[in-house]
């Protein structure tokens, strides 16, 4: 009875984490509409997936000040090619921690390019930095370079 209760609690926690990650990958279309004048884009910050991960592990606040909300050009080795609960494609990029990677949400038009990848492929993606969730750096609106 006690082990069954623990299994239910563990299952619930896993489901909650999954829903949290899935909700973060769903775009809010109202945030795309802007009436302000576009500002000149800064060139992307070049960073490896490993360096991004290490920066967030060292100090999340400092890493956010450098990467969050910025355009990043991230290079890394693909560990998995996935779709979230909303069928949006994303990649996991390898880090020194085999259980945590860099989560890169791809733009919908990148699905065919993602379909050609295999684990071990080295890719470069241009994305928006989104901070860290549950120990993994998050990237959104990624497109292959």
C-alpha atoms as a PDB file:
ATOM      1  CA  UNK A   1       0.000   0.000   0.000  1.00  0.00           C
ATOM      2  CA  UNK A   2       2.763   2.426   0.969  1.00  0.00           C
ATOM      3  CA  UNK A   3       4.848   1.678  -2.141  1.00  0.00           C
ATOM      4  CA  UNK A   4       1.768   2.121  -4.334  1.00  0.00           C
ATOM      5  CA  UNK A   5       1.171   5.537  -2.766  1.00  0.00           C
ATOM      6  CA  UNK A   6       4.805   6.511  -3.426  1.00  0.00           C
ATOM      7  CA  UNK A   7       4.427   5.381  -7.036  1.00  0.00           C
ATOM      8  CA  UNK A   8       1.325   7.565  -7.444  1.00  0.00           C
ATOM      9  CA  UNK A   9       3.088  10.575  -5.936  1.00  0.00           C
ATOM     10  CA  UNK A  10       6.116  10.028  -8.179  1.00  0.00           C
ATOM     11  CA  UNK A  11       3.863   9.697 -11.251  1.00  0.00           C
ATOM     12  CA  UNK A  12       2.032  12.891 -10.325  1.00  0.00           C
ATOM     13  CA  UNK A  13       5.299  14.807  -9.905  1.00  0.00           C
ATOM     14  CA  UNK A  14       6.585  13.560 -13.281  1.00  0.00           C
ATOM     15  CA  UNK A  15       3.314  14.604 -14.915  1.00  0.00           C
ATOM     16  CA  UNK A  16       3.495  18.038 -13.277  1.00  0.00           C
ATOM     17  CA  UNK A  17       7.062  18.589 -14.538  1.00  0.00           C
ATOM     18  CA  UNK A  18       6.073  17.471 -18.048  1.00  0.00           C
ATOM     19  CA  UNK A  19       3.047  19.819 -18.092  1.00  0.00           C
ATOM     20  CA  UNK A  20       5.207  22.699 -16.837  1.00  0.00           C
ATOM     21  CA  UNK A  21       7.745  22.174 -19.629  1.00  0.00           C
ATOM     22  CA  UNK A  22       5.030  21.728 -22.253  1.00  0.00           C
ATOM     23  CA  UNK A  23       3.234  24.896 -21.166  1.00  0.00           C
ATOM     24  CA  UNK A  24       6.481  26.852 -21.498  1.00  0.00           C
ATOM     25  CA  UNK A  25       6.844  25.800 -25.114  1.00  0.00           C
ATOM     26  CA  UNK A  26       3.382  26.992 -26.209  1.00  0.00           C
ATOM     27  CA  UNK A  27       3.590  30.453 -27.753  1.00  0.00           C
ATOM     28  CA  UNK A  28       1.271  33.280 -26.860  1.00  0.00           C
ATOM     29  CA  UNK A  29       0.255  34.800 -30.185  1.00  0.00           C
ATOM     30  CA  UNK A  30      -0.623  38.108 -28.523  1.00  0.00           C
ATOM     31  CA  UNK A  31       3.018  38.594 -27.539  1.00  0.00           C
ATOM     32  CA  UNK A  32       4.045  38.545 -31.203  1.00  0.00           C
ATOM     33  CA  UNK A  33       1.931  41.585 -32.074  1.00  0.00           C
ATOM     34  CA  UNK A  34       3.776  44.801 -31.444  1.00  0.00           C
ATOM     35  CA  UNK A  35       2.921  48.370 -32.348  1.00  0.00           C
ATOM     36  CA  UNK A  36       6.311  49.794 -31.395  1.00  0.00           C
ATOM     37  CA  UNK A  37       9.002  50.700 -33.880  1.00  0.00           C
ATOM     38  CA  UNK A  38      11.430  47.823 -34.377  1.00  0.00           C
ATOM     39  CA  UNK A  39      14.878  48.413 -32.940  1.00  0.00           C
ATOM     40  CA  UNK A  40      18.006  47.439 -34.831  1.00  0.00           C
ATOM     41  CA  UNK A  41      18.929  43.868 -34.009  1.00  0.00           C
ATOM     42  CA  UNK A  42      22.142  43.175 -32.186  1.00  0.00           C
ATOM     43  CA  UNK A  43      24.262  40.374 -33.610  1.00  0.00           C
ATOM     44  CA  UNK A  44      23.647  37.030 -31.914  1.00  0.00           C
ATOM     45  CA  UNK A  45      25.833  35.984 -29.006  1.00  0.00           C
ATOM     46  CA  UNK A  46      27.854  32.903 -30.033  1.00  0.00           C
ATOM     47  CA  UNK A  47      27.925  30.270 -27.295  1.00  0.00           C
ATOM     48  CA  UNK A  48      28.255  26.499 -27.113  1.00  0.00           C
ATOM     49  CA  UNK A  49      25.526  24.469 -25.437  1.00  0.00           C
ATOM     50  CA  UNK A  50      28.100  23.338 -22.863  1.00  0.00           C
ATOM     51  CA  UNK A  51      29.221  26.888 -22.032  1.00  0.00           C
ATOM     52  CA  UNK A  52      25.579  28.031 -21.724  1.00  0.00           C
ATOM     53  CA  UNK A  53      24.821  25.120 -19.394  1.00  0.00           C
ATOM     54  CA  UNK A  54      27.916  25.787 -17.267  1.00  0.00           C
ATOM     55  CA  UNK A  55      27.053  29.479 -16.955  1.00  0.00           C
ATOM     56  CA  UNK A  56      23.573  28.652 -15.655  1.00  0.00           C
ATOM     57  CA  UNK A  57      24.909  26.002 -13.262  1.00  0.00           C
ATOM     58  CA  UNK A  58      27.441  28.464 -11.860  1.00  0.00           C
ATOM     59  CA  UNK A  59      25.080  31.404 -11.317  1.00  0.00           C
ATOM     60  CA  UNK A  60      21.574  31.633 -12.791  1.00  0.00           C
ATOM     61  CA  UNK A  61      21.226  35.347 -12.064  1.00  0.00           C
ATOM     62  CA  UNK A  62      24.501  36.238 -13.780  1.00  0.00           C
ATOM     63  CA  UNK A  63      23.704  33.949 -16.735  1.00  0.00           C
ATOM     64  CA  UNK A  64      20.263  35.540 -17.154  1.00  0.00           C
ATOM     65  CA  UNK A  65      21.881  38.982 -17.321  1.00  0.00           C
ATOM     66  CA  UNK A  66      24.033  37.796 -20.240  1.00  0.00           C
ATOM     67  CA  UNK A  67      21.717  35.400 -22.137  1.00  0.00           C
ATOM     68  CA  UNK A  68      18.033  35.780 -21.183  1.00  0.00           C
ATOM     69  CA  UNK A  69      16.015  37.725 -23.755  1.00  0.00           C
ATOM     70  CA  UNK A  70      19.005  37.914 -26.095  1.00  0.00           C
ATOM     71  CA  UNK A  71      19.496  36.401 -29.538  1.00  0.00           C
ATOM     72  CA  UNK A  72      21.906  33.494 -29.213  1.00  0.00           C
ATOM     73  CA  UNK A  73      23.743  31.391 -31.774  1.00  0.00           C
ATOM     74  CA  UNK A  74      24.156  28.058 -29.984  1.00  0.00           C
ATOM     75  CA  UNK A  75      26.238  25.149 -31.249  1.00  0.00           C
ATOM     76  CA  UNK A  76      25.917  21.709 -29.719  1.00  0.00           C
ATOM     77  CA  UNK A  77      25.520  17.985 -30.192  1.00  0.00           C
ATOM     78  CA  UNK A  78      21.955  16.687 -30.489  1.00  0.00           C
ATOM     79  CA  UNK A  79      20.996  14.085 -27.888  1.00  0.00           C
ATOM     80  CA  UNK A  80      17.338  13.838 -28.896  1.00  0.00           C
ATOM     81  CA  UNK A  81      14.823  15.174 -31.412  1.00  0.00           C
ATOM     82  CA  UNK A  82      11.311  15.490 -29.975  1.00  0.00           C
ATOM     83  CA  UNK A  83       7.841  17.027 -30.146  1.00  0.00           C
ATOM     84  CA  UNK A  84       6.095  18.481 -27.117  1.00  0.00           C
ATOM     85  CA  UNK A  85       2.460  18.030 -26.124  1.00  0.00           C
ATOM     86  CA  UNK A  86       1.424  20.655 -28.715  1.00  0.00           C
ATOM     87  CA  UNK A  87       3.371  18.836 -31.492  1.00  0.00           C
ATOM     88  CA  UNK A  88       5.995  21.597 -31.569  1.00  0.00           C
ATOM     89  CA  UNK A  89       9.503  20.342 -32.373  1.00  0.00           C
ATOM     90  CA  UNK A  90      12.402  20.717 -29.962  1.00  0.00           C
ATOM     91  CA  UNK A  91      15.949  19.452 -29.564  1.00  0.00           C
ATOM     92  CA  UNK A  92      17.962  18.509 -26.537  1.00  0.00           C
ATOM     93  CA  UNK A  93      21.621  19.487 -26.829  1.00  0.00           C
ATOM     94  CA  UNK A  94      24.317  17.617 -24.900  1.00  0.00           C
ATOM     95  CA  UNK A  95      26.064  18.986 -21.835  1.00  0.00           C
ATOM     96  CA  UNK A  96      28.491  17.538 -19.321  1.00  0.00           C
ATOM     97  CA  UNK A  97      25.467  16.362 -17.309  1.00  0.00           C
ATOM     98  CA  UNK A  98      23.972  13.370 -19.109  1.00  0.00           C
ATOM     99  CA  UNK A  99      20.600  13.937 -17.409  1.00  0.00           C
ATOM    100  CA  UNK A 100      20.230  17.646 -18.229  1.00  0.00           C
ATOM    101  CA  UNK A 101      20.722  19.314 -21.575  1.00  0.00           C
ATOM    102  CA  UNK A 102      19.941  22.560 -23.296  1.00  0.00           C
ATOM    103  CA  UNK A 103      16.288  22.578 -24.413  1.00  0.00           C
ATOM    104  CA  UNK A 104      15.871  24.269 -27.826  1.00  0.00           C
ATOM    105  CA  UNK A 105      12.272  24.881 -28.996  1.00  0.00           C
ATOM    106  CA  UNK A 106      12.299  25.032 -32.801  1.00  0.00           C
ATOM    107  CA  UNK A 107      10.156  27.239 -34.994  1.00  0.00           C
ATOM    108  CA  UNK A 108       7.382  25.217 -36.661  1.00  0.00           C
ATOM    109  CA  UNK A 109       8.908  25.722 -40.111  1.00  0.00           C
ATOM    110  CA  UNK A 110      12.052  23.885 -38.933  1.00  0.00           C
ATOM    111  CA  UNK A 111      10.237  20.517 -38.649  1.00  0.00           C
ATOM    112  CA  UNK A 112      11.554  19.103 -41.961  1.00  0.00           C
ATOM    113  CA  UNK A 113      15.145  20.064 -41.084  1.00  0.00           C
ATOM    114  CA  UNK A 114      14.730  18.475 -37.642  1.00  0.00           C
ATOM    115  CA  UNK A 115      13.439  15.297 -39.303  1.00  0.00           C
ATOM    116  CA  UNK A 116      16.837  14.812 -40.983  1.00  0.00           C
ATOM    117  CA  UNK A 117      18.785  14.885 -37.700  1.00  0.00           C
ATOM    118  CA  UNK A 118      20.033  11.962 -35.660  1.00  0.00           C
ATOM    119  CA  UNK A 119      21.437  11.904 -32.142  1.00  0.00           C
ATOM    120  CA  UNK A 120      25.093  12.881 -32.378  1.00  0.00           C
ATOM    121  CA  UNK A 121      24.505  15.485 -35.100  1.00  0.00           C
ATOM    122  CA  UNK A 122      26.255  18.773 -34.429  1.00  0.00           C
ATOM    123  CA  UNK A 123      23.964  21.744 -35.076  1.00  0.00           C
ATOM    124  CA  UNK A 124      23.986  25.505 -34.784  1.00  0.00           C
ATOM    125  CA  UNK A 125      20.690  27.202 -33.995  1.00  0.00           C
ATOM    126  CA  UNK A 126      19.778  30.864 -33.627  1.00  0.00           C
ATOM    127  CA  UNK A 127      17.334  31.318 -30.742  1.00  0.00           C
ATOM    128  CA  UNK A 128      16.056  33.592 -28.017  1.00  0.00           C
ATOM    129  CA  UNK A 129      17.430  32.865 -24.542  1.00  0.00           C
ATOM    130  CA  UNK A 130      14.651  32.016 -22.094  1.00  0.00           C
ATOM    131  CA  UNK A 131      16.513  31.453 -18.843  1.00  0.00           C
ATOM    132  CA  UNK A 132      16.542  28.171 -16.951  1.00  0.00           C
ATOM    133  CA  UNK A 133      13.769  25.763 -15.955  1.00  0.00           C
ATOM    134  CA  UNK A 134      14.431  22.812 -13.661  1.00  0.00           C
ATOM    135  CA  UNK A 135      18.182  23.037 -14.209  1.00  0.00           C
ATOM    136  CA  UNK A 136      18.121  23.194 -18.015  1.00  0.00           C
ATOM    137  CA  UNK A 137      18.772  26.321 -20.084  1.00  0.00           C
ATOM    138  CA  UNK A 138      15.776  27.031 -22.326  1.00  0.00           C
ATOM    139  CA  UNK A 139      15.848  28.445 -25.855  1.00  0.00           C
ATOM    140  CA  UNK A 140      12.829  29.476 -27.934  1.00  0.00           C
ATOM    141  CA  UNK A 141      12.088  30.320 -31.579  1.00  0.00           C
ATOM    142  CA  UNK A 142      15.144  28.405 -32.779  1.00  0.00           C
ATOM    143  CA  UNK A 143      16.072  28.159 -36.449  1.00  0.00           C
ATOM    144  CA  UNK A 144      18.968  26.227 -37.952  1.00  0.00           C
ATOM    145  CA  UNK A 145      21.917  28.305 -39.126  1.00  0.00           C
END
